[in-house]
Structure formats: C-alpha cells, structure tokens
Amino acid sequence: MIGMKKFVGILIAISTLSGPPQFLHAADRVRLAITNPNMSFLPAGVALRRGFFKEEGLDVEVIRMTVPVTINALLNGDIDYTLIFGSVVRANLRGMPLKVVAGLLDSPTHALIARPEYKSVKELKGKTLGIGNFGGTDDVAARLMLKHSGIDPEKDMKVMALGPDRARLAALKQGLVDVASAAPPADSEGKKMGFNVLARAYELFRFPFIGLGTTDRKIKEKPNEVKRVVKALIKANRFIRENKEGAVQVLVEWGRVEREHAEASYDATVKVFSPTGAIPEDGLRLVIEQAKGELKITREVSPSEVSDITILLEAQRELGVRAR
C-alpha cells in the first residue's frame, strides 16, 4: 500500500507528463452551415479534417442546410456561421442583422456547358439555358457570363430551372436545353458526353461566391471567436492551394466524391480559393448590385453596410498574411 501523499504525487506527475486535463482546455462549440459537402465548401471540410479548427480551440459541427433554413437558423441562434455569401448580403439588404466577414472563393466555379453545335457564347442568343434554381449562384453566374458576351438573358434567352447538375446534363443530352450552367465536376462530365465548355465565370469576373457570414451580435459579443474561425478557414484555403493530394483526399472522403471527379473539380477551381480571406471590393460591389436588382432597391449601398472586415484584418496580421 502506498501513502495518500505519495499517491497524490504520482497523479500529479502523470498529469504533468500527459499534459493538462482536457476539461481545462475545452474547445468552444461552434455550428457552421454549408449547403453541400462539395468542392465549393471544401474549406470547411479541410479545416475540420486537417485540424485547423482544433488548432484555434474550436469544436466545430458542420451542418448541411438549405439557404432559407440557414438564414433563419442564423437569426434564431441555432447556428453560428455560414459559408454562403450572396444570400447573406441579400438578407442584410432586407434588413436582417447579418454580415459577411471574410471571402473564401473569389468567384463562382460555374461554367457554361453547351451542346456540341455551339462553339461560342455569342451563338447562344435566342437559345434555352438550363439552371438549378432561379436566383441561385448558378443562375446569377450564367447571366453574368452571358451579359459579358453581349447577350441579355432577360430578353435573348429562355431560362429553365431543372434542379441538380445531373438533371441539367440530362436535359442537354435530350436537347431540352442548349446550354446549362453547372459547377465542377459537371464540366468534366459534360466534356465526356461531348459537350463544349464555352466560358468559366472566374475567367471573366470576380464575384465572391463562398465566404464567412454571421450575425452582428456575434461580431460584437464574440469577436475573438469570429477571428479564430476566420483564421482556421484561411489556413484551410492555403492548404487547398498548396496541397492538391491532401485537398483531393479530403474531398473524396468528406464529400464522398469519386477520385477522378475530385481531381477534375480541384483542377478547375483551385485558382479561385483566396489565400488571404480578403473580400475583393469590385466583386462585392457586383454582388451588391445583383442583390439590389433582385430586391428592387435603388438607393446606394456601400460595401461596409453588408460586410465587416475589421476582424479579418486582425486575423491576417496574426497569420502573417498580406491582404491582396
């Protein structure tokens, strides 16, 4: 038998060797919403699977939600953050106390995929466009790409909402539409089916697509938590840009994507992952103007009304990242 003092001494020694008790350093619980575990939302998967959230003292639960549910959940406090961007801006302009605090993808990953007989975007005038949902990013990106080539989608195109990417490719194959807007890996799948990729959004303009959004209350009451979430996601983006194999592996496992499609998605989109978390002002103004048009708002809206980059700048300084 050993004495009580000696027993306590042994416990202290074991505790010292193994590190402080876990409960003394419990991570902050955070709930983060995404709409799909795909390439676009990969920063969340990488930060989760590669431990960047844990490095920042965060215990993050990533939840899949539709956009309307996400906005309501943010306002009700059921979740803390979302990676959708444009919908947060639109909600802000509707008077909801939400802001974007970082940018993760500088532009949509969507492409215009057309039937074999079409070789340029200009040939699509008067034709039929397939999108997922009206007002969705695929719709917005398609309209901007068409406008870039001088086509007014409101006057010069018929637009059909068809649902998921696979339905859009099927509609192309059946000749129900002439062109479809879709994100990787649908572009590589479309090429295999004999279709032509006529344009990619990120090659034509910057239009922040994925970023971090939260409530005004969270920014005010828990700025340190917001900063740690931002830092973890910037680390994830830098990992994605610098480590193809690691990023693809996370996409395969987390997104349950076939490796061939995961690699094609990576190659088609890696350029738009921001290494700094910055929100490009020109792109943000495009998002604002698009939202104003949808909501029929005519007044001037400044970027600072829908975004708050104060915490982002602190995160960049602590990470030694130079804004661009």
Protein backbone atom coordinates (compact mmCIF):
# COMPACT_ATOMS: atom_id res chain seq x y z
CA MET A 1 0.00 0.00 0.00
CA ILE A 2 1.28 3.49 -0.71
CA GLY A 3 0.54 6.54 1.39
CA MET A 4 -2.02 9.11 0.30
CA LYS A 5 0.61 11.85 -0.19
CA LYS A 6 2.70 9.57 -2.38
CA PHE A 7 -0.40 8.56 -4.39
CA VAL A 8 -1.31 12.21 -4.98
CA GLY A 9 2.27 12.91 -6.02
CA ILE A 10 2.15 10.13 -8.59
CA LEU A 11 -1.11 11.51 -10.03
CA ILE A 12 0.42 14.98 -10.34
CA ALA A 13 3.47 13.54 -12.07
CA ILE A 14 1.30 11.60 -14.55
CA SER A 15 -0.81 14.71 -15.18
CA THR A 16 2.31 16.77 -15.84
CA LEU A 17 3.70 14.24 -18.31
CA SER A 18 0.46 13.81 -20.21
CA GLY A 19 -0.42 17.48 -20.30
CA PRO A 20 -3.14 19.44 -18.52
CA PRO A 21 -6.53 17.77 -18.04
CA GLN A 22 -8.70 18.05 -21.16
CA PHE A 23 -11.55 19.78 -19.36
CA LEU A 24 -9.30 22.71 -18.51
CA HIS A 25 -8.94 23.45 -22.22
CA ALA A 26 -12.38 22.58 -23.57
CA ALA A 27 -12.82 23.87 -27.11
CA ASP A 28 -15.56 26.37 -27.87
CA ARG A 29 -18.54 24.70 -29.55
CA VAL A 30 -19.43 26.24 -32.89
CA ARG A 31 -22.04 25.31 -35.51
CA LEU A 32 -21.23 26.12 -39.15
CA ALA A 33 -23.69 25.67 -42.02
CA ILE A 34 -22.93 24.73 -45.62
CA THR A 35 -25.32 23.80 -48.43
CA ASN A 36 -23.33 20.90 -49.89
CA PRO A 37 -20.15 18.98 -48.97
CA ASN A 38 -18.55 19.62 -52.37
CA MET A 39 -15.53 21.44 -53.78
CA SER A 40 -17.04 24.87 -53.22
CA PHE A 41 -17.41 24.27 -49.49
CA LEU A 42 -14.15 22.36 -49.15
CA PRO A 43 -12.59 24.94 -46.78
CA ALA A 44 -14.98 23.71 -44.09
CA GLY A 45 -14.09 20.07 -44.76
CA VAL A 46 -10.35 20.74 -44.76
CA ALA A 47 -10.48 22.87 -41.60
CA LEU A 48 -12.43 20.05 -39.94
CA ARG A 49 -10.47 17.04 -41.22
CA ARG A 50 -7.00 18.60 -41.06
CA GLY A 51 -7.42 20.01 -37.58
CA PHE A 52 -7.32 23.74 -38.32
CA PHE A 53 -10.45 24.36 -36.25
CA LYS A 54 -8.91 22.46 -33.34
CA GLU A 55 -5.70 24.49 -33.65
CA GLU A 56 -7.83 27.56 -32.98
CA GLY A 57 -9.52 26.00 -29.94
CA LEU A 58 -12.79 25.32 -31.73
CA ASP A 59 -15.05 22.28 -31.67
CA VAL A 60 -16.94 22.78 -34.92
CA GLU A 61 -20.01 20.95 -36.12
CA VAL A 62 -20.53 21.35 -39.87
CA ILE A 63 -24.21 21.11 -40.78
CA ARG A 64 -25.80 20.83 -44.23
CA MET A 65 -28.73 23.23 -44.69
CA THR A 66 -30.67 24.86 -47.49
CA VAL A 67 -30.21 28.60 -47.88
CA PRO A 68 -33.60 29.71 -46.43
CA VAL A 69 -33.17 27.41 -43.43
CA THR A 70 -29.62 28.71 -42.93
CA ILE A 71 -30.68 32.35 -42.78
CA ASN A 72 -33.44 31.59 -40.27
CA ALA A 73 -31.11 29.43 -38.18
CA LEU A 74 -28.55 32.24 -38.03
CA LEU A 75 -31.14 34.74 -36.90
CA ASN A 76 -32.52 32.33 -34.30
CA GLY A 77 -29.07 31.44 -32.94
CA ASP A 78 -29.41 27.78 -33.93
CA ILE A 79 -26.16 28.07 -35.88
CA ASP A 80 -23.25 30.48 -35.51
CA TYR A 81 -21.83 30.85 -39.03
CA THR A 82 -22.50 30.06 -42.67
CA LEU A 83 -20.29 29.83 -45.76
CA ILE A 84 -22.93 31.15 -48.15
CA PHE A 85 -22.10 34.68 -49.30
CA GLY A 86 -24.61 36.27 -51.67
CA SER A 87 -27.60 35.17 -49.60
CA VAL A 88 -26.14 36.84 -46.50
CA VAL A 89 -25.74 40.06 -48.50
CA ARG A 90 -29.34 39.83 -49.72
CA ALA A 91 -30.59 39.14 -46.19
CA ASN A 92 -28.69 42.19 -44.95
CA LEU A 93 -30.35 44.35 -47.59
CA ARG A 94 -33.71 43.05 -46.42
CA GLY A 95 -32.91 44.49 -43.01
CA MET A 96 -31.58 41.40 -41.26
CA PRO A 97 -28.62 41.87 -38.86
CA LEU A 98 -26.14 39.74 -40.81
CA LYS A 99 -22.77 40.49 -42.41
CA VAL A 100 -20.04 38.77 -44.38
CA VAL A 101 -16.68 38.87 -42.59
CA ALA A 102 -14.34 37.00 -44.96
CA GLY A 103 -14.15 35.77 -48.53
CA LEU A 104 -13.09 32.22 -49.38
CA LEU A 105 -13.81 31.86 -53.10
CA ASP A 106 -13.28 34.94 -55.26
CA SER A 107 -15.66 33.84 -58.00
CA PRO A 108 -18.26 31.17 -58.76
CA THR A 109 -16.88 27.91 -60.07
CA HIS A 110 -19.69 27.60 -62.60
CA ALA A 111 -19.26 27.13 -66.34
CA LEU A 112 -21.50 27.40 -69.39
CA ILE A 113 -21.74 23.90 -70.87
CA ALA A 114 -23.27 23.78 -74.34
CA ARG A 115 -24.37 21.21 -76.87
CA PRO A 116 -21.68 20.26 -79.46
CA GLU A 117 -23.02 22.53 -82.22
CA TYR A 118 -22.24 25.69 -80.21
CA LYS A 119 -18.65 26.93 -80.24
CA SER A 120 -19.00 30.36 -78.59
CA VAL A 121 -21.23 32.13 -76.09
CA LYS A 122 -22.43 34.61 -78.72
CA GLU A 123 -24.07 31.76 -80.65
CA LEU A 124 -26.43 31.18 -77.71
CA LYS A 125 -28.62 34.22 -78.40
CA GLY A 126 -32.22 33.11 -78.62
CA LYS A 127 -31.47 29.68 -77.15
CA THR A 128 -32.53 27.91 -73.94
CA LEU A 129 -30.47 27.95 -70.73
CA GLY A 130 -30.75 25.34 -68.01
CA ILE A 131 -30.08 26.34 -64.39
CA GLY A 132 -30.66 24.77 -61.00
CA ASN A 133 -32.89 27.33 -59.33
CA PHE A 134 -33.88 30.90 -60.13
CA GLY A 135 -31.77 33.31 -58.07
CA GLY A 136 -29.18 30.65 -57.21
CA THR A 137 -25.47 31.16 -57.83
CA ASP A 138 -25.61 29.04 -60.98
CA ASP A 139 -28.34 31.34 -62.32
CA VAL A 140 -26.53 34.54 -61.35
CA ALA A 141 -23.19 33.32 -62.74
CA ALA A 142 -24.78 32.26 -66.03
CA ARG A 143 -26.49 35.60 -66.53
CA LEU A 144 -23.26 37.49 -65.84
CA MET A 145 -21.32 35.30 -68.28
CA LEU A 146 -23.96 35.85 -70.97
CA LYS A 147 -24.00 39.61 -70.37
CA HIS A 148 -20.21 39.63 -70.66
CA SER A 149 -20.64 38.38 -74.24
CA GLY A 150 -23.34 40.88 -75.11
CA ILE A 151 -26.40 38.68 -74.56
CA ASP A 152 -29.25 39.96 -72.39
CA PRO A 153 -30.58 36.81 -70.68
CA GLU A 154 -33.83 38.57 -69.80
CA LYS A 155 -34.63 39.30 -73.45
CA ASP A 156 -32.49 36.97 -75.51
CA MET A 157 -32.76 33.65 -73.66
CA LYS A 158 -35.35 31.23 -72.37
CA VAL A 159 -34.36 30.02 -68.90
CA MET A 160 -35.48 26.73 -67.35
CA ALA A 161 -34.96 25.68 -63.70
CA LEU A 162 -34.06 22.00 -63.75
CA GLY A 163 -32.65 21.17 -60.33
CA PRO A 164 -29.29 19.40 -59.72
CA ASP A 165 -26.35 19.25 -62.11
CA ARG A 166 -27.15 15.73 -63.30
CA ALA A 167 -30.62 16.88 -64.37
CA ARG A 168 -29.11 19.75 -66.33
CA LEU A 169 -26.70 17.41 -68.14
CA ALA A 170 -29.58 15.05 -68.91
CA ALA A 171 -31.58 17.96 -70.34
CA LEU A 172 -28.61 18.88 -72.54
CA LYS A 173 -28.35 15.31 -73.77
CA GLN A 174 -32.07 15.20 -74.56
CA GLY A 175 -31.95 18.56 -76.35
CA LEU A 176 -34.36 20.19 -73.92
CA VAL A 177 -31.85 23.00 -73.38
CA ASP A 178 -28.98 24.31 -75.50
CA VAL A 179 -26.67 25.33 -72.67
CA ALA A 180 -26.50 24.74 -68.93
CA SER A 181 -24.79 26.47 -66.03
CA ALA A 182 -23.12 23.99 -63.71
CA ALA A 183 -20.19 23.63 -61.32
CA PRO A 184 -17.41 21.03 -61.33
CA PRO A 185 -17.32 18.10 -61.74
CA ALA A 186 -20.27 18.59 -64.12
CA ASP A 187 -17.96 20.35 -66.58
CA SER A 188 -15.65 17.34 -66.91
CA GLU A 189 -18.65 15.00 -67.07
CA GLY A 190 -20.12 17.20 -69.79
CA LYS A 191 -16.92 17.07 -71.84
CA LYS A 192 -17.03 13.27 -71.69
CA MET A 193 -20.57 13.43 -73.06
CA GLY A 194 -19.35 15.52 -76.00
CA PHE A 195 -20.47 18.95 -74.82
CA ASN A 196 -18.40 22.14 -75.01
CA VAL A 197 -17.38 24.35 -72.08
CA LEU A 198 -17.81 27.83 -73.54
CA ALA A 199 -16.97 30.01 -70.54
CA ARG A 200 -15.94 29.86 -66.90
CA ALA A 201 -17.11 32.55 -64.50
CA TYR A 202 -13.76 33.00 -62.76
CA GLU A 203 -12.06 33.74 -66.08
CA LEU A 204 -14.41 36.67 -66.73
CA PHE A 205 -15.09 38.41 -63.41
CA ARG A 206 -14.69 38.32 -59.65
CA PHE A 207 -17.91 37.69 -57.78
CA PRO A 208 -17.40 36.38 -54.21
CA PHE A 209 -19.14 33.03 -54.08
CA ILE A 210 -18.26 31.43 -50.75
CA GLY A 211 -17.32 33.32 -47.58
CA LEU A 212 -17.97 33.52 -43.87
CA GLY A 213 -21.20 35.13 -42.72
CA THR A 214 -22.52 35.66 -39.22
CA THR A 215 -24.71 37.94 -37.12
CA ASP A 216 -23.98 41.48 -35.98
CA ARG A 217 -24.42 40.19 -32.43
CA LYS A 218 -21.71 37.56 -32.85
CA ILE A 219 -19.30 40.15 -34.28
CA LYS A 220 -19.97 42.46 -31.35
CA GLU A 221 -20.06 39.94 -28.50
CA LYS A 222 -17.57 37.27 -29.60
CA PRO A 223 -15.02 38.89 -31.92
CA ASN A 224 -12.26 36.54 -30.75
CA GLU A 225 -14.30 33.50 -31.70
CA VAL A 226 -15.05 35.02 -35.10
CA LYS A 227 -11.35 35.69 -35.60
CA ARG A 228 -10.43 32.09 -34.80
CA VAL A 229 -13.00 30.77 -37.27
CA VAL A 230 -11.61 33.12 -39.93
CA LYS A 231 -8.02 32.02 -39.20
CA ALA A 232 -8.93 28.34 -39.44
CA LEU A 233 -10.61 28.85 -42.81
CA ILE A 234 -7.71 30.89 -44.20
CA LYS A 235 -5.37 28.07 -43.13
CA ALA A 236 -7.67 25.61 -44.90
CA ASN A 237 -7.67 27.68 -48.10
CA ARG A 238 -3.89 27.89 -48.10
CA PHE A 239 -3.69 24.13 -47.59
CA ILE A 240 -6.05 23.59 -50.53
CA ARG A 241 -3.96 25.80 -52.82
CA GLU A 242 -0.63 24.25 -51.77
CA ASN A 243 -1.51 20.57 -51.31
CA LYS A 244 -3.51 19.05 -54.16
CA GLU A 245 -3.26 15.46 -52.93
CA GLY A 246 -4.33 16.37 -49.42
CA ALA A 247 -7.22 18.53 -50.63
CA VAL A 248 -8.44 15.89 -53.08
CA GLN A 249 -8.29 13.23 -50.37
CA VAL A 250 -10.47 15.32 -48.07
CA LEU A 251 -12.95 15.90 -50.91
CA VAL A 252 -13.10 12.17 -51.65
CA GLU A 253 -13.70 11.24 -48.01
CA TRP A 254 -15.71 14.21 -46.72
CA GLY A 255 -17.69 14.91 -49.88
CA ARG A 256 -17.96 11.25 -50.92
CA VAL A 257 -16.77 12.12 -54.40
CA GLU A 258 -15.08 9.70 -56.80
CA ARG A 259 -11.37 10.46 -57.03
CA GLU A 260 -11.50 11.15 -60.78
CA HIS A 261 -14.19 13.77 -60.30
CA ALA A 262 -12.49 15.17 -57.21
CA GLU A 263 -9.27 15.75 -59.14
CA ALA A 264 -11.16 17.34 -62.04
CA SER A 265 -13.02 19.62 -59.61
CA TYR A 266 -9.76 20.63 -57.95
CA ASP A 267 -8.01 21.45 -61.23
CA ALA A 268 -10.99 23.50 -62.44
CA THR A 269 -11.46 25.58 -59.29
CA VAL A 270 -8.27 25.84 -57.21
CA LYS A 271 -7.46 29.27 -58.67
CA VAL A 272 -10.49 30.89 -57.02
CA PHE A 273 -9.65 29.87 -53.44
CA SER A 274 -8.47 33.03 -51.71
CA PRO A 275 -5.16 32.60 -49.82
CA THR A 276 -5.93 35.60 -47.58
CA GLY A 277 -9.67 35.56 -46.91
CA ALA A 278 -9.95 39.01 -48.49
CA ILE A 279 -13.24 40.21 -49.94
CA PRO A 280 -12.46 41.87 -53.31
CA GLU A 281 -14.29 45.19 -53.36
CA ASP A 282 -15.03 45.07 -57.09
CA GLY A 283 -16.56 41.63 -56.68
CA LEU A 284 -18.52 42.66 -53.59
CA ARG A 285 -19.98 45.61 -55.49
CA LEU A 286 -21.13 43.17 -58.19
CA VAL A 287 -22.84 41.05 -55.52
CA ILE A 288 -24.48 44.15 -54.07
CA GLU A 289 -25.73 45.35 -57.46
CA GLN A 290 -27.10 41.90 -58.26
CA ALA A 291 -28.92 41.82 -54.92
CA LYS A 292 -30.25 45.35 -55.38
CA GLY A 293 -31.66 44.35 -58.75
CA GLU A 294 -33.41 41.30 -57.30
CA LEU A 295 -34.83 43.27 -54.39
CA LYS A 296 -35.65 46.36 -56.49
CA ILE A 297 -33.52 48.59 -54.28
CA THR A 298 -32.50 51.88 -55.87
CA ARG A 299 -30.55 53.56 -53.06
CA GLU A 300 -26.76 53.49 -52.86
CA VAL A 301 -25.35 50.62 -50.77
CA SER A 302 -21.74 50.76 -49.58
CA PRO A 303 -19.62 47.60 -49.07
CA SER A 304 -19.31 48.43 -45.35
CA GLU A 305 -23.08 48.13 -44.98
CA VAL A 306 -23.05 44.42 -45.81
CA SER A 307 -19.53 43.45 -44.69
CA ASP A 308 -17.22 43.94 -41.70
CA ILE A 309 -13.54 43.22 -42.35
CA THR A 310 -12.16 44.54 -39.06
CA ILE A 311 -11.77 41.06 -37.61
CA LEU A 312 -10.41 39.71 -40.90
CA LEU A 313 -7.60 42.27 -40.83
CA GLU A 314 -6.65 41.14 -37.30
CA ALA A 315 -6.67 37.50 -38.40
CA GLN A 316 -4.47 38.29 -41.39
CA ARG A 317 -1.96 40.11 -39.17
CA GLU A 318 -1.77 37.23 -36.71
CA LEU A 319 -1.26 34.73 -39.54
CA GLY A 320 1.34 36.93 -41.24
CA VAL A 321 -0.84 37.02 -44.36
CA ARG A 322 -0.69 40.04 -46.61
CA ALA A 323 -4.07 41.17 -47.90
CA ARG A 324 -4.44 41.40 -51.67
